[in-house]
Amino acid sequence: MTVPGITLELPPALYQRLIEVAEASHQSLNDVVLQSIQTGLPPSLEHVPERFRADLVALNQLNDEVLWDVAALDLADDKATLYEELLDKNQQGQLEASEQALLDTLREEADLFMLRRAYAYALLKWRGHRIPTVADMQTP
């Protein structure tokens, strides 16, 4: 198998930084460049269930303002409350078949909701924004 290659023009200051890191860390310039690219990209979606991938990939097309909106969304209070109630009933073994179906649906929605938020934050960070910490989000 051949490894694809690219030719890339770098600003002199960036090239010099890469050389300095390679020398200081006793790594090849190629390894430093590869590591920089790998760590600088948004997270891979390869481990995300296939049923969620298209929705997450679509987030890449959104502008930063819309991504901030996605990241700030909360699960609707009525759905969150119902989800918690059904989880409690399930834990106590008191869930009926229709409730189990509803719980499965709500779990799927909650999973996608959380993945969308997390990926929106990852994209915003990749685009150079400061992402709030948990403490920041808990402060009114």
C-alpha atoms as a PDB file:
ATOM      1  CA  MET A   1       0.000   0.000   0.000  1.00  0.00           C
ATOM      2  CA  THR A   2       1.339   3.415  -0.903  1.00  0.00           C
ATOM      3  CA  VAL A   3       0.951   6.315   1.464  1.00  0.00           C
ATOM      4  CA  PRO A   4      -0.435   9.455  -0.159  1.00  0.00           C
ATOM      5  CA  GLY A   5       1.732  12.532   0.105  1.00  0.00           C
ATOM      6  CA  ILE A   6       1.128  16.230  -0.237  1.00  0.00           C
ATOM      7  CA  THR A   7       3.231  19.257  -0.942  1.00  0.00           C
ATOM      8  CA  LEU A   8       2.526  22.108   1.399  1.00  0.00           C
ATOM      9  CA  GLU A   9       3.820  25.652   1.492  1.00  0.00           C
ATOM     10  CA  LEU A  10       4.337  26.824   5.070  1.00  0.00           C
ATOM     11  CA  PRO A  11       5.010  30.310   6.359  1.00  0.00           C
ATOM     12  CA  PRO A  12       8.673  30.508   7.418  1.00  0.00           C
ATOM     13  CA  ALA A  13       7.822  31.101  11.097  1.00  0.00           C
ATOM     14  CA  LEU A  14       5.612  27.994  11.239  1.00  0.00           C
ATOM     15  CA  TYR A  15       8.239  25.897   9.463  1.00  0.00           C
ATOM     16  CA  GLN A  16      10.851  27.076  11.964  1.00  0.00           C
ATOM     17  CA  ARG A  17       8.576  26.159  14.896  1.00  0.00           C
ATOM     18  CA  LEU A  18       8.145  22.653  13.477  1.00  0.00           C
ATOM     19  CA  ILE A  19      11.905  22.267  13.065  1.00  0.00           C
ATOM     20  CA  GLU A  20      12.503  23.450  16.635  1.00  0.00           C
ATOM     21  CA  VAL A  21       9.940  21.000  18.048  1.00  0.00           C
ATOM     22  CA  ALA A  22      11.392  18.138  15.998  1.00  0.00           C
ATOM     23  CA  GLU A  23      14.914  18.859  17.196  1.00  0.00           C
ATOM     24  CA  ALA A  24      13.905  19.381  20.827  1.00  0.00           C
ATOM     25  CA  SER A  25      11.847  16.190  20.928  1.00  0.00           C
ATOM     26  CA  HIS A  26      14.315  14.106  18.864  1.00  0.00           C
ATOM     27  CA  GLN A  27      11.618  13.296  16.327  1.00  0.00           C
ATOM     28  CA  SER A  28      11.607  13.564  12.582  1.00  0.00           C
ATOM     29  CA  LEU A  29      10.030  16.621  11.027  1.00  0.00           C
ATOM     30  CA  ASN A  30       7.547  14.298   9.325  1.00  0.00           C
ATOM     31  CA  ASP A  31       6.470  12.813  12.681  1.00  0.00           C
ATOM     32  CA  VAL A  32       6.014  16.265  14.224  1.00  0.00           C
ATOM     33  CA  VAL A  33       3.924  17.448  11.279  1.00  0.00           C
ATOM     34  CA  LEU A  34       1.756  14.302  11.373  1.00  0.00           C
ATOM     35  CA  GLN A  35       1.251  14.593  15.118  1.00  0.00           C
ATOM     36  CA  SER A  36       0.333  18.268  14.767  1.00  0.00           C
ATOM     37  CA  ILE A  37      -2.237  17.487  12.093  1.00  0.00           C
ATOM     38  CA  GLN A  38      -3.722  14.568  14.013  1.00  0.00           C
ATOM     39  CA  THR A  39      -4.106  16.499  17.252  1.00  0.00           C
ATOM     40  CA  GLY A  40      -5.365  19.603  15.480  1.00  0.00           C
ATOM     41  CA  LEU A  41      -8.283  17.978  13.683  1.00  0.00           C
ATOM     42  CA  PRO A  42     -11.788  17.685  15.124  1.00  0.00           C
ATOM     43  CA  PRO A  43     -12.445  14.290  16.704  1.00  0.00           C
ATOM     44  CA  SER A  44     -12.889  11.343  14.392  1.00  0.00           C
ATOM     45  CA  LEU A  45     -16.389   9.961  14.032  1.00  0.00           C
ATOM     46  CA  GLU A  46     -15.227   6.413  13.364  1.00  0.00           C
ATOM     47  CA  HIS A  47     -16.395   5.183  16.791  1.00  0.00           C
ATOM     48  CA  VAL A  48     -19.717   7.032  16.642  1.00  0.00           C
ATOM     49  CA  PRO A  49     -22.638   4.738  15.790  1.00  0.00           C
ATOM     50  CA  GLU A  50     -23.426   4.933  12.073  1.00  0.00           C
ATOM     51  CA  ARG A  51     -26.985   6.142  12.734  1.00  0.00           C
ATOM     52  CA  PHE A  52     -25.609   9.396  14.243  1.00  0.00           C
ATOM     53  CA  ARG A  53     -22.759  10.174  11.833  1.00  0.00           C
ATOM     54  CA  ALA A  54     -24.648  12.048   9.098  1.00  0.00           C
ATOM     55  CA  ASP A  55     -26.125  14.406  11.671  1.00  0.00           C
ATOM     56  CA  LEU A  56     -22.713  15.128  13.168  1.00  0.00           C
ATOM     57  CA  VAL A  57     -20.996  15.522   9.788  1.00  0.00           C
ATOM     58  CA  ALA A  58     -23.633  18.121   8.884  1.00  0.00           C
ATOM     59  CA  LEU A  59     -22.459  20.254  11.816  1.00  0.00           C
ATOM     60  CA  ASN A  60     -19.218  20.918   9.922  1.00  0.00           C
ATOM     61  CA  GLN A  61     -21.178  23.064   7.477  1.00  0.00           C
ATOM     62  CA  LEU A  62     -22.614  25.361  10.151  1.00  0.00           C
ATOM     63  CA  ASN A  63     -21.144  28.755  10.929  1.00  0.00           C
ATOM     64  CA  ASP A  64     -19.793  29.469  14.403  1.00  0.00           C
ATOM     65  CA  GLU A  65     -22.889  31.345  15.577  1.00  0.00           C
ATOM     66  CA  VAL A  66     -25.144  28.386  14.809  1.00  0.00           C
ATOM     67  CA  LEU A  67     -22.657  25.969  16.396  1.00  0.00           C
ATOM     68  CA  TRP A  68     -22.760  28.036  19.611  1.00  0.00           C
ATOM     69  CA  ASP A  69     -26.557  27.708  19.511  1.00  0.00           C
ATOM     70  CA  VAL A  70     -26.304  23.920  19.086  1.00  0.00           C
ATOM     71  CA  ALA A  71     -23.787  23.671  21.927  1.00  0.00           C
ATOM     72  CA  ALA A  72     -25.985  25.738  24.251  1.00  0.00           C
ATOM     73  CA  LEU A  73     -29.191  23.781  23.695  1.00  0.00           C
ATOM     74  CA  ASP A  74     -30.734  21.899  26.583  1.00  0.00           C
ATOM     75  CA  LEU A  75     -32.980  18.875  26.320  1.00  0.00           C
ATOM     76  CA  ALA A  76     -36.579  20.040  26.616  1.00  0.00           C
ATOM     77  CA  ASP A  77     -37.640  20.001  30.273  1.00  0.00           C
ATOM     78  CA  ASP A  78     -40.681  17.819  29.638  1.00  0.00           C
ATOM     79  CA  LYS A  79     -38.614  15.226  27.757  1.00  0.00           C
ATOM     80  CA  ALA A  80     -35.836  15.293  30.342  1.00  0.00           C
ATOM     81  CA  THR A  81     -38.320  14.812  33.165  1.00  0.00           C
ATOM     82  CA  LEU A  82     -40.126  11.977  31.370  1.00  0.00           C
ATOM     83  CA  TYR A  83     -36.793  10.341  30.518  1.00  0.00           C
ATOM     84  CA  GLU A  84     -35.706  10.411  34.170  1.00  0.00           C
ATOM     85  CA  GLU A  85     -39.066   9.034  35.330  1.00  0.00           C
ATOM     86  CA  LEU A  86     -38.872   6.171  32.848  1.00  0.00           C
ATOM     87  CA  LEU A  87     -35.281   5.426  33.838  1.00  0.00           C
ATOM     88  CA  ASP A  88     -36.359   5.234  37.493  1.00  0.00           C
ATOM     89  CA  LYS A  89     -39.256   2.919  36.652  1.00  0.00           C
ATOM     90  CA  ASN A  90     -36.954   0.770  34.538  1.00  0.00           C
ATOM     91  CA  GLN A  91     -34.439   0.513  37.374  1.00  0.00           C
ATOM     92  CA  GLN A  92     -37.247  -0.643  39.674  1.00  0.00           C
ATOM     93  CA  GLY A  93     -38.445  -3.197  37.093  1.00  0.00           C
ATOM     94  CA  GLN A  94     -41.830  -1.486  36.734  1.00  0.00           C
ATOM     95  CA  LEU A  95     -41.695  -0.510  33.068  1.00  0.00           C
ATOM     96  CA  GLU A  96     -44.512  -1.566  30.742  1.00  0.00           C
ATOM     97  CA  ALA A  97     -43.834  -2.496  27.105  1.00  0.00           C
ATOM     98  CA  SER A  98     -45.144   0.815  25.744  1.00  0.00           C
ATOM     99  CA  GLU A  99     -43.015   2.696  28.273  1.00  0.00           C
ATOM    100  CA  GLN A 100     -39.967   0.655  27.255  1.00  0.00           C
ATOM    101  CA  ALA A 101     -40.500   1.686  23.644  1.00  0.00           C
ATOM    102  CA  LEU A 102     -40.798   5.319  24.704  1.00  0.00           C
ATOM    103  CA  LEU A 103     -37.678   5.026  26.872  1.00  0.00           C
ATOM    104  CA  ASP A 104     -35.747   3.585  23.923  1.00  0.00           C
ATOM    105  CA  THR A 105     -36.865   6.486  21.730  1.00  0.00           C
ATOM    106  CA  LEU A 106     -35.968   9.075  24.366  1.00  0.00           C
ATOM    107  CA  ARG A 107     -32.588   7.423  24.954  1.00  0.00           C
ATOM    108  CA  GLU A 108     -31.845   7.615  21.229  1.00  0.00           C
ATOM    109  CA  GLU A 109     -32.834  11.310  21.175  1.00  0.00           C
ATOM    110  CA  ALA A 110     -30.767  12.050  24.279  1.00  0.00           C
ATOM    111  CA  ASP A 111     -27.728  10.270  22.845  1.00  0.00           C
ATOM    112  CA  LEU A 112     -27.916  12.233  19.604  1.00  0.00           C
ATOM    113  CA  PHE A 113     -28.537  15.453  21.519  1.00  0.00           C
ATOM    114  CA  MET A 114     -25.427  14.987  23.676  1.00  0.00           C
ATOM    115  CA  LEU A 115     -23.272  13.917  20.735  1.00  0.00           C
ATOM    116  CA  ARG A 116     -24.379  17.013  18.781  1.00  0.00           C
ATOM    117  CA  ARG A 117     -23.505  19.303  21.687  1.00  0.00           C
ATOM    118  CA  ALA A 118     -20.123  17.682  22.262  1.00  0.00           C
ATOM    119  CA  TYR A 119     -19.216  17.711  18.574  1.00  0.00           C
ATOM    120  CA  ALA A 120     -20.353  21.339  18.213  1.00  0.00           C
ATOM    121  CA  TYR A 121     -18.009  22.278  21.067  1.00  0.00           C
ATOM    122  CA  ALA A 122     -15.187  20.256  19.476  1.00  0.00           C
ATOM    123  CA  LEU A 123     -15.662  22.069  16.171  1.00  0.00           C
ATOM    124  CA  LEU A 124     -15.730  25.443  17.895  1.00  0.00           C
ATOM    125  CA  LYS A 125     -12.507  24.618  19.731  1.00  0.00           C
ATOM    126  CA  TRP A 126     -10.913  23.484  16.474  1.00  0.00           C
ATOM    127  CA  ARG A 127     -11.959  26.797  14.920  1.00  0.00           C
ATOM    128  CA  GLY A 128     -10.034  28.629  17.630  1.00  0.00           C
ATOM    129  CA  HIS A 129     -12.740  29.491  20.172  1.00  0.00           C
ATOM    130  CA  ARG A 130     -12.360  29.176  23.929  1.00  0.00           C
ATOM    131  CA  ILE A 131     -14.722  26.508  25.181  1.00  0.00           C
ATOM    132  CA  PRO A 132     -16.321  27.125  28.573  1.00  0.00           C
ATOM    133  CA  THR A 133     -15.338  24.872  31.445  1.00  0.00           C
ATOM    134  CA  VAL A 134     -17.890  23.021  33.550  1.00  0.00           C
ATOM    135  CA  ALA A 135     -17.468  25.708  36.214  1.00  0.00           C
ATOM    136  CA  ASP A 136     -18.163  28.408  33.592  1.00  0.00           C
ATOM    137  CA  MET A 137     -21.378  26.648  32.585  1.00  0.00           C
ATOM    138  CA  GLN A 138     -22.598  26.330  36.175  1.00  0.00           C
ATOM    139  CA  THR A 139     -22.128  30.025  36.916  1.00  0.00           C
ATOM    140  CA  PRO A 140     -25.322  31.998  36.228  1.00  0.00           C
END
